[in-house]
Amino acid sequence: MTIKLEVFTSLSCPYCPMAVAAAEEAVKELGDVVDYEHLDVNENMDKVQEYTIMSVPTVVIDGEVAFIGAPSTEELVEKLKEKL
């Protein structure tokens, strides 16, 4: 089973690097069970509209908004493990 992890960010967002770092650490911890994608909101408007993203960072797991704001690595890993 693979879990789809999408992190939506913007270059102007001061909190987005923390969300990306948490996602990258979670992927390292969980390995191949996570299909990770980092998306810039300005370049992916179709997905932004699909998920109704209103602020960044936003973390989407398996097509559902899981976090608005930057989660800690621990929070993200816990949420991903719930999907296994």
PDB file of N, CA and C in Angstrom:
ATOM      1  N   MET A   1       0.846  -1.191   0.000  1.00  0.00           N
ATOM      2  CA  MET A   1       0.000   0.000   0.000  1.00  0.00           C
ATOM      3  C   MET A   1       0.884   1.244   0.000  1.00  0.00           C
ATOM      4  N   THR A   2       0.521   2.197  -0.833  1.00  0.00           N
ATOM      5  CA  THR A   2       1.252   3.459  -0.916  1.00  0.00           C
ATOM      6  C   THR A   2       0.351   4.597  -0.456  1.00  0.00           C
ATOM      7  N   ILE A   3       0.917   5.498   0.335  1.00  0.00           N
ATOM      8  CA  ILE A   3       0.196   6.673   0.822  1.00  0.00           C
ATOM      9  C   ILE A   3       0.653   7.869  -0.008  1.00  0.00           C
ATOM     10  N   LYS A   4      -0.278   8.618  -0.546  1.00  0.00           N
ATOM     11  CA  LYS A   4       0.040   9.818  -1.333  1.00  0.00           C
ATOM     12  C   LYS A   4       0.144  11.010  -0.393  1.00  0.00           C
ATOM     13  N   LEU A   5       1.313  11.635  -0.355  1.00  0.00           N
ATOM     14  CA  LEU A   5       1.566  12.811   0.473  1.00  0.00           C
ATOM     15  C   LEU A   5       1.883  13.986  -0.443  1.00  0.00           C
ATOM     16  N   GLU A   6       1.071  15.039  -0.345  1.00  0.00           N
ATOM     17  CA  GLU A   6       1.285  16.249  -1.135  1.00  0.00           C
ATOM     18  C   GLU A   6       1.431  17.432  -0.186  1.00  0.00           C
ATOM     19  N   VAL A   7       2.479  18.206  -0.398  1.00  0.00           N
ATOM     20  CA  VAL A   7       2.710  19.397   0.421  1.00  0.00           C
ATOM     21  C   VAL A   7       2.648  20.605  -0.509  1.00  0.00           C
ATOM     22  N   PHE A   8       1.700  21.491  -0.238  1.00  0.00           N
ATOM     23  CA  PHE A   8       1.502  22.692  -1.046  1.00  0.00           C
ATOM     24  C   PHE A   8       2.173  23.875  -0.365  1.00  0.00           C
ATOM     25  N   THR A   9       3.020  24.568  -1.112  1.00  0.00           N
ATOM     26  CA  THR A   9       3.777  25.684  -0.570  1.00  0.00           C
ATOM     27  C   THR A   9       3.806  26.848  -1.543  1.00  0.00           C
ATOM     28  N   SER A  10       4.412  27.927  -1.075  1.00  0.00           N
ATOM     29  CA  SER A  10       4.639  29.110  -1.899  1.00  0.00           C
ATOM     30  C   SER A  10       6.021  29.649  -1.559  1.00  0.00           C
ATOM     31  N   LEU A  11       6.689  30.216  -2.537  1.00  0.00           N
ATOM     32  CA  LEU A  11       8.028  30.762  -2.297  1.00  0.00           C
ATOM     33  C   LEU A  11       8.027  31.885  -1.267  1.00  0.00           C
ATOM     34  N   SER A  12       6.927  32.611  -1.169  1.00  0.00           N
ATOM     35  CA  SER A  12       6.859  33.751  -0.247  1.00  0.00           C
ATOM     36  C   SER A  12       6.467  33.361   1.180  1.00  0.00           C
ATOM     37  N   CYS A  13       6.202  32.091   1.409  1.00  0.00           N
ATOM     38  CA  CYS A  13       5.717  31.619   2.712  1.00  0.00           C
ATOM     39  C   CYS A  13       6.886  31.313   3.654  1.00  0.00           C
ATOM     40  N   PRO A  14       6.928  31.969   4.816  1.00  0.00           N
ATOM     41  CA  PRO A  14       8.034  31.727   5.751  1.00  0.00           C
ATOM     42  C   PRO A  14       7.929  30.391   6.487  1.00  0.00           C
ATOM     43  N   TYR A  15       6.751  29.790   6.539  1.00  0.00           N
ATOM     44  CA  TYR A  15       6.549  28.528   7.265  1.00  0.00           C
ATOM     45  C   TYR A  15       6.667  27.294   6.372  1.00  0.00           C
ATOM     46  N   CYS A  16       6.629  27.494   5.082  1.00  0.00           N
ATOM     47  CA  CYS A  16       6.634  26.382   4.136  1.00  0.00           C
ATOM     48  C   CYS A  16       7.895  25.513   4.207  1.00  0.00           C
ATOM     49  N   PRO A  17       9.077  26.082   4.372  1.00  0.00           N
ATOM     50  CA  PRO A  17      10.252  25.213   4.481  1.00  0.00           C
ATOM     51  C   PRO A  17      10.166  24.219   5.638  1.00  0.00           C
ATOM     52  N   MET A  18       9.494  24.591   6.722  1.00  0.00           N
ATOM     53  CA  MET A  18       9.323  23.662   7.845  1.00  0.00           C
ATOM     54  C   MET A  18       8.422  22.492   7.454  1.00  0.00           C
ATOM     55  N   ALA A  19       7.383  22.759   6.692  1.00  0.00           N
ATOM     56  CA  ALA A  19       6.485  21.692   6.240  1.00  0.00           C
ATOM     57  C   ALA A  19       7.203  20.749   5.283  1.00  0.00           C
ATOM     58  N   VAL A  20       8.017  21.299   4.405  1.00  0.00           N
ATOM     59  CA  VAL A  20       8.780  20.486   3.460  1.00  0.00           C
ATOM     60  C   VAL A  20       9.798  19.625   4.213  1.00  0.00           C
ATOM     61  N   ALA A  21      10.475  20.209   5.186  1.00  0.00           N
ATOM     62  CA  ALA A  21      11.451  19.458   5.978  1.00  0.00           C
ATOM     63  C   ALA A  21      10.773  18.313   6.735  1.00  0.00           C
ATOM     64  N   ALA A  22       9.614  18.571   7.310  1.00  0.00           N
ATOM     65  CA  ALA A  22       8.868  17.531   8.024  1.00  0.00           C
ATOM     66  C   ALA A  22       8.473  16.408   7.067  1.00  0.00           C
ATOM     67  N   ALA A  23       8.031  16.771   5.882  1.00  0.00           N
ATOM     68  CA  ALA A  23       7.634  15.771   4.882  1.00  0.00           C
ATOM     69  C   ALA A  23       8.834  14.935   4.452  1.00  0.00           C
ATOM     70  N   GLU A  24       9.954  15.581   4.214  1.00  0.00           N
ATOM     71  CA  GLU A  24      11.143  14.851   3.784  1.00  0.00           C
ATOM     72  C   GLU A  24      11.641  13.906   4.874  1.00  0.00           C
ATOM     73  N   GLU A  25      11.572  14.325   6.132  1.00  0.00           N
ATOM     74  CA  GLU A  25      11.962  13.450   7.241  1.00  0.00           C
ATOM     75  C   GLU A  25      10.985  12.288   7.391  1.00  0.00           C
ATOM     76  N   ALA A  26       9.704  12.553   7.213  1.00  0.00           N
ATOM     77  CA  ALA A  26       8.698  11.490   7.297  1.00  0.00           C
ATOM     78  C   ALA A  26       8.919  10.452   6.202  1.00  0.00           C
ATOM     79  N   VAL A  27       9.259  10.916   5.008  1.00  0.00           N
ATOM     80  CA  VAL A  27       9.531  10.002   3.898  1.00  0.00           C
ATOM     81  C   VAL A  27      10.758   9.151   4.210  1.00  0.00           C
ATOM     82  N   LYS A  28      11.784   9.755   4.779  1.00  0.00           N
ATOM     83  CA  LYS A  28      12.975   8.987   5.164  1.00  0.00           C
ATOM     84  C   LYS A  28      12.626   7.921   6.193  1.00  0.00           C
ATOM     85  N   GLU A  29      11.778   8.288   7.135  1.00  0.00           N
ATOM     86  CA  GLU A  29      11.410   7.360   8.206  1.00  0.00           C
ATOM     87  C   GLU A  29      10.525   6.220   7.710  1.00  0.00           C
ATOM     88  N   LEU A  30       9.569   6.538   6.842  1.00  0.00           N
ATOM     89  CA  LEU A  30       8.600   5.528   6.411  1.00  0.00           C
ATOM     90  C   LEU A  30       8.982   4.833   5.110  1.00  0.00           C
ATOM     91  N   GLY A  31       9.874   5.431   4.342  1.00  0.00           N
ATOM     92  CA  GLY A  31      10.372   4.776   3.135  1.00  0.00           C
ATOM     93  C   GLY A  31       9.398   4.744   1.980  1.00  0.00           C
ATOM     94  N   ASP A  32       9.419   3.603   1.285  1.00  0.00           N
ATOM     95  CA  ASP A  32       8.698   3.457   0.021  1.00  0.00           C
ATOM     96  C   ASP A  32       7.182   3.442   0.143  1.00  0.00           C
ATOM     97  N   VAL A  33       6.646   3.426   1.349  1.00  0.00           N
ATOM     98  CA  VAL A  33       5.185   3.424   1.486  1.00  0.00           C
ATOM     99  C   VAL A  33       4.591   4.810   1.231  1.00  0.00           C
ATOM    100  N   VAL A  34       5.451   5.830   1.142  1.00  0.00           N
ATOM    101  CA  VAL A  34       4.980   7.202   0.925  1.00  0.00           C
ATOM    102  C   VAL A  34       5.371   7.678  -0.469  1.00  0.00           C
ATOM    103  N   ASP A  35       4.387   8.112  -1.227  1.00  0.00           N
ATOM    104  CA  ASP A  35       4.591   8.742  -2.531  1.00  0.00           C
ATOM    105  C   ASP A  35       4.479  10.242  -2.293  1.00  0.00           C
ATOM    106  N   TYR A  36       5.621  10.923  -2.233  1.00  0.00           N
ATOM    107  CA  TYR A  36       5.685  12.331  -1.820  1.00  0.00           C
ATOM    108  C   TYR A  36       5.787  13.267  -3.015  1.00  0.00           C
ATOM    109  N   GLU A  37       5.020  14.349  -2.953  1.00  0.00           N
ATOM    110  CA  GLU A  37       5.078  15.383  -3.977  1.00  0.00           C
ATOM    111  C   GLU A  37       5.022  16.753  -3.317  1.00  0.00           C
ATOM    112  N   HIS A  38       5.961  17.610  -3.676  1.00  0.00           N
ATOM    113  CA  HIS A  38       6.023  18.994  -3.192  1.00  0.00           C
ATOM    114  C   HIS A  38       5.523  19.876  -4.329  1.00  0.00           C
ATOM    115  N   LEU A  39       4.458  20.645  -4.067  1.00  0.00           N
ATOM    116  CA  LEU A  39       3.813  21.433  -5.117  1.00  0.00           C
ATOM    117  C   LEU A  39       3.760  22.906  -4.747  1.00  0.00           C
ATOM    118  N   ASP A  40       4.120  23.754  -5.693  1.00  0.00           N
ATOM    119  CA  ASP A  40       3.982  25.199  -5.523  1.00  0.00           C
ATOM    120  C   ASP A  40       2.553  25.578  -5.915  1.00  0.00           C
ATOM    121  N   VAL A  41       1.874  26.303  -5.053  1.00  0.00           N
ATOM    122  CA  VAL A  41       0.469  26.650  -5.324  1.00  0.00           C
ATOM    123  C   VAL A  41       0.309  27.466  -6.599  1.00  0.00           C
ATOM    124  N   ASN A  42       1.288  28.287  -6.915  1.00  0.00           N
ATOM    125  CA  ASN A  42       1.178  29.134  -8.101  1.00  0.00           C
ATOM    126  C   ASN A  42       1.323  28.355  -9.400  1.00  0.00           C
ATOM    127  N   GLU A  43       1.919  27.178  -9.329  1.00  0.00           N
ATOM    128  CA  GLU A  43       2.129  26.363 -10.527  1.00  0.00           C
ATOM    129  C   GLU A  43       1.150  25.195 -10.612  1.00  0.00           C
ATOM    130  N   ASN A  44       0.299  25.034  -9.615  1.00  0.00           N
ATOM    131  CA  ASN A  44      -0.611  23.891  -9.567  1.00  0.00           C
ATOM    132  C   ASN A  44      -2.020  24.321  -9.183  1.00  0.00           C
ATOM    133  N   MET A  45      -2.537  25.310  -9.878  1.00  0.00           N
ATOM    134  CA  MET A  45      -3.839  25.873  -9.542  1.00  0.00           C
ATOM    135  C   MET A  45      -4.976  24.860  -9.656  1.00  0.00           C
ATOM    136  N   ASP A  46      -4.856  23.892 -10.552  1.00  0.00           N
ATOM    137  CA  ASP A  46      -5.903  22.880 -10.678  1.00  0.00           C
ATOM    138  C   ASP A  46      -6.040  22.068  -9.388  1.00  0.00           C
ATOM    139  N   LYS A  47      -4.925  21.675  -8.803  1.00  0.00           N
ATOM    140  CA  LYS A  47      -4.968  20.914  -7.550  1.00  0.00           C
ATOM    141  C   LYS A  47      -5.359  21.809  -6.377  1.00  0.00           C
ATOM    142  N   VAL A  48      -4.930  23.064  -6.403  1.00  0.00           N
ATOM    143  CA  VAL A  48      -5.315  24.015  -5.353  1.00  0.00           C
ATOM    144  C   VAL A  48      -6.833  24.147  -5.325  1.00  0.00           C
ATOM    145  N   GLN A  49      -7.432  24.258  -6.487  1.00  0.00           N
ATOM    146  CA  GLN A  49      -8.891  24.367  -6.564  1.00  0.00           C
ATOM    147  C   GLN A  49      -9.562  23.053  -6.188  1.00  0.00           C
ATOM    148  N   GLU A  50      -8.983  21.938  -6.604  1.00  0.00           N
ATOM    149  CA  GLU A  50      -9.550  20.622  -6.291  1.00  0.00           C
ATOM    150  C   GLU A  50      -9.655  20.407  -4.779  1.00  0.00           C
ATOM    151  N   TYR A  51      -8.604  20.793  -4.046  1.00  0.00           N
ATOM    152  CA  TYR A  51      -8.566  20.610  -2.594  1.00  0.00           C
ATOM    153  C   TYR A  51      -9.049  21.836  -1.813  1.00  0.00           C
ATOM    154  N   THR A  52      -9.428  22.903  -2.532  1.00  0.00           N
ATOM    155  CA  THR A  52      -9.878  24.155  -1.925  1.00  0.00           C
ATOM    156  C   THR A  52      -8.845  24.680  -0.922  1.00  0.00           C
ATOM    157  N   ILE A  53      -7.620  24.781  -1.373  1.00  0.00           N
ATOM    158  CA  ILE A  53      -6.533  25.261  -0.516  1.00  0.00           C
ATOM    159  C   ILE A  53      -6.602  26.777  -0.422  1.00  0.00           C
ATOM    160  N   MET A  54      -6.672  27.261   0.825  1.00  0.00           N
ATOM    161  CA  MET A  54      -6.819  28.696   1.069  1.00  0.00           C
ATOM    162  C   MET A  54      -5.559  29.319   1.666  1.00  0.00           C
ATOM    163  N   SER A  55      -4.683  28.494   2.234  1.00  0.00           N
ATOM    164  CA  SER A  55      -3.452  29.027   2.816  1.00  0.00           C
ATOM    165  C   SER A  55      -2.351  27.978   2.727  1.00  0.00           C
ATOM    166  N   VAL A  56      -1.138  28.437   2.863  1.00  0.00           N
ATOM    167  CA  VAL A  56       0.023  27.542   2.802  1.00  0.00           C
ATOM    168  C   VAL A  56       0.848  27.680   4.074  1.00  0.00           C
ATOM    169  N   PRO A  57       1.540  26.643   4.448  1.00  0.00           N
ATOM    170  CA  PRO A  57       1.562  25.325   3.817  1.00  0.00           C
ATOM    171  C   PRO A  57       0.303  24.538   4.120  1.00  0.00           C
ATOM    172  N   THR A  58      -0.068  23.682   3.181  1.00  0.00           N
ATOM    173  CA  THR A  58      -1.163  22.738   3.376  1.00  0.00           C
ATOM    174  C   THR A  58      -0.645  21.352   3.024  1.00  0.00           C
ATOM    175  N   VAL A  59      -0.924  20.401   3.900  1.00  0.00           N
ATOM    176  CA  VAL A  59      -0.485  19.023   3.695  1.00  0.00           C
ATOM    177  C   VAL A  59      -1.713  18.174   3.400  1.00  0.00           C
ATOM    178  N   VAL A  60      -1.667  17.464   2.275  1.00  0.00           N
ATOM    179  CA  VAL A  60      -2.764  16.604   1.844  1.00  0.00           C
ATOM    180  C   VAL A  60      -2.268  15.161   1.868  1.00  0.00           C
ATOM    181  N   ILE A  61      -3.054  14.290   2.513  1.00  0.00           N
ATOM    182  CA  ILE A  61      -2.715  12.871   2.568  1.00  0.00           C
ATOM    183  C   ILE A  61      -3.854  12.094   1.933  1.00  0.00           C
ATOM    184  N   ASP A  62      -3.514  11.318   0.916  1.00  0.00           N
ATOM    185  CA  ASP A  62      -4.510  10.516   0.189  1.00  0.00           C
ATOM    186  C   ASP A  62      -5.731  11.329  -0.216  1.00  0.00           C
ATOM    187  N   GLY A  63      -5.500  12.535  -0.716  1.00  0.00           N
ATOM    188  CA  GLY A  63      -6.581  13.345  -1.250  1.00  0.00           C
ATOM    189  C   GLY A  63      -7.392  14.124  -0.240  1.00  0.00           C
ATOM    190  N   GLU A  64      -6.997  14.078   1.043  1.00  0.00           N
ATOM    191  CA  GLU A  64      -7.715  14.824   2.078  1.00  0.00           C
ATOM    192  C   GLU A  64      -6.762  15.778   2.789  1.00  0.00           C
ATOM    193  N   VAL A  65      -7.207  17.001   3.010  1.00  0.00           N
ATOM    194  CA  VAL A  65      -6.381  17.966   3.736  1.00  0.00           C
ATOM    195  C   VAL A  65      -6.169  17.442   5.154  1.00  0.00           C
ATOM    196  N   ALA A  66      -4.897  17.250   5.516  1.00  0.00           N
ATOM    197  CA  ALA A  66      -4.549  16.709   6.830  1.00  0.00           C
ATOM    198  C   ALA A  66      -4.055  17.796   7.777  1.00  0.00           C
ATOM    199  N   PHE A  67      -3.320  18.770   7.233  1.00  0.00           N
ATOM    200  CA  PHE A  67      -2.780  19.859   8.044  1.00  0.00           C
ATOM    201  C   PHE A  67      -2.840  21.156   7.260  1.00  0.00           C
ATOM    202  N   ILE A  68      -3.256  22.218   7.932  1.00  0.00           N
ATOM    203  CA  ILE A  68      -3.114  23.575   7.409  1.00  0.00           C
ATOM    204  C   ILE A  68      -2.101  24.215   8.327  1.00  0.00           C
ATOM    205  N   GLY A  69      -0.948  24.540   7.782  1.00  0.00           N
ATOM    206  CA  GLY A  69       0.178  24.953   8.596  1.00  0.00           C
ATOM    207  C   GLY A  69       1.214  23.841   8.592  1.00  0.00           C
ATOM    208  N   ALA A  70       2.355  24.117   9.176  1.00  0.00           N
ATOM    209  CA  ALA A  70       3.465  23.163   9.157  1.00  0.00           C
ATOM    210  C   ALA A  70       3.383  22.203  10.341  1.00  0.00           C
ATOM    211  N   PRO A  71       3.163  20.920  10.075  1.00  0.00           N
ATOM    212  CA  PRO A  71       3.167  19.954  11.172  1.00  0.00           C
ATOM    213  C   PRO A  71       4.601  19.617  11.564  1.00  0.00           C
ATOM    214  N   SER A  72       4.756  19.086  12.752  1.00  0.00           N
ATOM    215  CA  SER A  72       6.069  18.563  13.125  1.00  0.00           C
ATOM    216  C   SER A  72       6.257  17.232  12.402  1.00  0.00           C
ATOM    217  N   THR A  73       7.477  16.777  12.327  1.00  0.00           N
ATOM    218  CA  THR A  73       7.740  15.475  11.708  1.00  0.00           C
ATOM    219  C   THR A  73       6.958  14.387  12.429  1.00  0.00           C
ATOM    220  N   GLU A  74       6.929  14.458  13.757  1.00  0.00           N
ATOM    221  CA  GLU A  74       6.243  13.436  14.553  1.00  0.00           C
ATOM    222  C   GLU A  74       4.743  13.409  14.245  1.00  0.00           C
ATOM    223  N   GLU A  75       4.129  14.593  14.164  1.00  0.00           N
ATOM    224  CA  GLU A  75       2.695  14.673  13.853  1.00  0.00           C
ATOM    225  C   GLU A  75       2.404  14.084  12.474  1.00  0.00           C
ATOM    226  N   LEU A  76       3.264  14.407  11.536  1.00  0.00           N
ATOM    227  CA  LEU A  76       3.067  13.940  10.164  1.00  0.00           C
ATOM    228  C   LEU A  76       3.248  12.431  10.069  1.00  0.00           C
ATOM    229  N   VAL A  77       4.282  11.901  10.708  1.00  0.00           N
ATOM    230  CA  VAL A  77       4.513  10.462  10.690  1.00  0.00           C
ATOM    231  C   VAL A  77       3.328   9.724  11.326  1.00  0.00           C
ATOM    232  N   GLU A  78       2.844  10.241  12.438  1.00  0.00           N
ATOM    233  CA  GLU A  78       1.703   9.624  13.114  1.00  0.00           C
ATOM    234  C   GLU A  78       0.481   9.586  12.208  1.00  0.00           C
ATOM    235  N   LYS A  79       0.210  10.689  11.526  1.00  0.00           N
ATOM    236  CA  LYS A  79      -0.945  10.773  10.628  1.00  0.00           C
ATOM    237  C   LYS A  79      -0.778   9.819   9.436  1.00  0.00           C
ATOM    238  N   LEU A  80       0.437   9.722   8.916  1.00  0.00           N
ATOM    239  CA  LEU A  80       0.693   8.812   7.803  1.00  0.00           C
ATOM    240  C   LEU A  80       0.538   7.361   8.241  1.00  0.00           C
ATOM    241  N   LYS A  81       1.008   7.037   9.424  1.00  0.00           N
ATOM    242  CA  LYS A  81       0.897   5.660   9.931  1.00  0.00           C
ATOM    243  C   LYS A  81      -0.554   5.253  10.117  1.00  0.00           C
ATOM    244  N   GLU A  82      -1.434   6.213  10.412  1.00  0.00           N
ATOM    245  CA  GLU A  82      -2.859   5.920  10.537  1.00  0.00           C
ATOM    246  C   GLU A  82      -3.441   5.396   9.225  1.00  0.00           C
ATOM    247  N   LYS A  83      -2.831   5.769   8.118  1.00  0.00           N
ATOM    248  CA  LYS A  83      -3.320   5.365   6.786  1.00  0.00           C
ATOM    249  C   LYS A  83      -2.823   3.983   6.376  1.00  0.00           C
ATOM    250  N   LEU A  84      -1.855   3.450   7.105  1.00  0.00           N
ATOM    251  CA  LEU A  84      -1.309   2.132   6.753  1.00  0.00           C
ATOM    252  C   LEU A  84      -2.237   1.007   7.179  1.00  0.00           C
TER     253      LEU A  84
END
